[in-house]
């Protein structure tokens, strides 16, 4: 229901999660996946570009509202994979500081990143 999605999105807001393991897909060696939520947007960084979009949450399925704006440099194949799964939708499970994203046979486990210096409230 919309209530569940709204509550989940609210609990993710302002938090950044970094992948600890990825099953079913090989990330480029030495790279991690970070997923940041801010003001209803989601930004995903696979070590190449940060790809951001308005977040759409239907039940527990998260997806990019629009194809992400991305500067085409760096780990292009990995960025393409990221935009592909986030456009089709990933299932979200949040337990405390642990976030699990899954789609098909891919499971991405992430842990909340320590708070960086918080910007002054505008």
Protein backbone atom coordinates (compact mmCIF):
# COMPACT_ATOMS: atom_id res chain seq x y z
CA UNK A 1 0.00 0.00 0.00
CA UNK A 2 1.03 3.63 -0.37
CA UNK A 3 1.40 3.92 3.41
CA UNK A 4 4.06 1.22 3.50
CA UNK A 5 5.98 2.79 0.62
CA UNK A 6 5.80 6.27 2.14
CA UNK A 7 7.01 5.02 5.50
CA UNK A 8 9.88 3.10 3.91
CA UNK A 9 10.95 6.07 1.81
CA UNK A 10 10.77 8.30 4.87
CA UNK A 11 12.96 5.91 6.86
CA UNK A 12 15.54 5.88 4.04
CA UNK A 13 15.65 9.65 3.62
CA UNK A 14 18.98 11.29 4.30
CA UNK A 15 20.84 7.98 4.50
CA UNK A 16 23.60 6.49 2.36
CA UNK A 17 24.28 2.78 2.05
CA UNK A 18 27.38 1.08 0.65
CA UNK A 19 27.45 -2.44 -0.76
CA UNK A 20 29.09 -5.14 1.33
CA UNK A 21 28.29 -8.00 -1.06
CA UNK A 22 26.69 -8.54 -4.44
CA UNK A 23 25.37 -11.95 -5.47
CA UNK A 24 24.43 -12.80 -9.04
CA UNK A 25 26.44 -10.03 -10.68
CA UNK A 26 30.14 -9.25 -10.65
CA UNK A 27 30.98 -5.65 -9.85
CA UNK A 28 34.12 -4.24 -11.40
CA UNK A 29 37.02 -5.29 -9.20
CA UNK A 30 37.68 -2.81 -6.41
CA UNK A 31 34.39 -0.98 -6.89
CA UNK A 32 31.43 -0.74 -4.58
CA UNK A 33 27.89 0.41 -5.04
CA UNK A 34 26.58 3.27 -2.95
CA UNK A 35 22.94 4.23 -2.77
CA UNK A 36 21.91 7.57 -1.26
CA UNK A 37 18.40 8.77 -0.52
CA UNK A 38 17.60 12.47 -0.19
CA UNK A 39 14.32 14.35 -0.44
CA UNK A 40 12.55 11.67 -2.46
CA UNK A 41 15.47 11.15 -4.82
CA UNK A 42 17.81 8.20 -5.07
CA UNK A 43 21.40 8.48 -6.27
CA UNK A 44 23.40 5.38 -7.12
CA UNK A 45 27.17 5.41 -7.56
CA UNK A 46 28.84 2.33 -9.00
CA UNK A 47 32.32 3.82 -9.00
CA UNK A 48 31.88 5.54 -12.34
CA UNK A 49 29.13 8.10 -12.27
CA UNK A 50 26.50 9.06 -9.78
CA UNK A 51 23.16 8.30 -11.39
CA UNK A 52 20.24 10.05 -9.81
CA UNK A 53 16.51 10.17 -10.31
CA UNK A 54 13.32 10.81 -8.46
CA UNK A 55 12.60 7.62 -6.52
CA UNK A 56 9.38 5.73 -7.10
CA UNK A 57 8.46 3.20 -4.44
CA UNK A 58 5.54 0.86 -5.10
CA UNK A 59 5.09 -1.38 -2.11
CA UNK A 60 8.70 -2.40 -1.50
CA UNK A 61 9.80 -2.08 -5.14
CA UNK A 62 12.10 0.87 -5.75
CA UNK A 63 12.83 2.25 -9.17
CA UNK A 64 14.09 5.34 -10.94
CA UNK A 65 11.18 7.54 -12.06
CA UNK A 66 13.13 8.57 -15.16
CA UNK A 67 16.25 7.36 -16.94
CA UNK A 68 19.07 8.73 -14.80
CA UNK A 69 21.13 11.69 -15.81
CA UNK A 70 24.67 10.40 -16.11
CA UNK A 71 27.92 11.73 -17.50
CA UNK A 72 29.19 8.99 -19.78
CA UNK A 73 32.62 8.28 -18.39
CA UNK A 74 34.24 5.62 -16.27
CA UNK A 75 32.69 2.22 -15.69
CA UNK A 76 30.12 2.42 -18.44
CA UNK A 77 29.03 -1.22 -18.46
CA UNK A 78 28.52 -1.12 -14.71
CA UNK A 79 26.59 2.16 -14.96
CA UNK A 80 24.41 0.65 -17.68
CA UNK A 81 23.68 -2.33 -15.44
CA UNK A 82 22.79 -0.04 -12.54
CA UNK A 83 20.40 2.07 -14.59
CA UNK A 84 18.86 -1.09 -16.06
CA UNK A 85 18.04 -2.68 -12.70
CA UNK A 86 16.90 0.57 -11.10
CA UNK A 87 14.65 1.40 -14.06
CA UNK A 88 13.04 -2.04 -13.96
CA UNK A 89 12.80 -1.97 -10.16
CA UNK A 90 14.55 -3.55 -7.19
CA UNK A 91 12.93 -5.00 -4.11
CA UNK A 92 13.90 -3.15 -0.92
CA UNK A 93 14.31 -4.68 2.52
CA UNK A 94 15.52 -2.43 5.34
CA UNK A 95 16.54 -3.82 8.72
CA UNK A 96 18.18 -1.22 10.93
CA UNK A 97 21.42 -0.20 9.23
CA UNK A 98 21.23 -3.00 6.66
CA UNK A 99 19.62 -2.52 3.26
CA UNK A 100 19.07 -5.39 0.82
CA UNK A 101 18.17 -4.75 -2.81
CA UNK A 102 17.15 -7.66 -4.98
CA UNK A 103 15.99 -8.18 -8.52
CA UNK A 104 15.80 -11.46 -10.41
CA UNK A 105 18.76 -13.52 -9.24
CA UNK A 106 20.77 -10.49 -8.12
CA UNK A 107 21.02 -9.61 -4.44
CA UNK A 108 22.89 -6.51 -3.27
CA UNK A 109 23.58 -6.24 0.44
CA UNK A 110 24.46 -2.78 1.74
CA UNK A 111 25.33 -1.30 5.10
CA UNK A 112 24.65 2.24 6.16
CA UNK A 113 27.64 4.51 5.67
CA UNK A 114 28.75 6.56 8.67
CA UNK A 115 27.32 10.05 8.64
CA UNK A 116 29.53 12.33 6.67
CA UNK A 117 29.73 15.92 7.75
CA UNK A 118 26.13 16.99 7.63
CA UNK A 119 25.52 20.12 5.68
CA UNK A 120 23.98 23.02 7.52
CA UNK A 121 20.22 23.02 7.26
CA UNK A 122 19.22 25.50 4.58
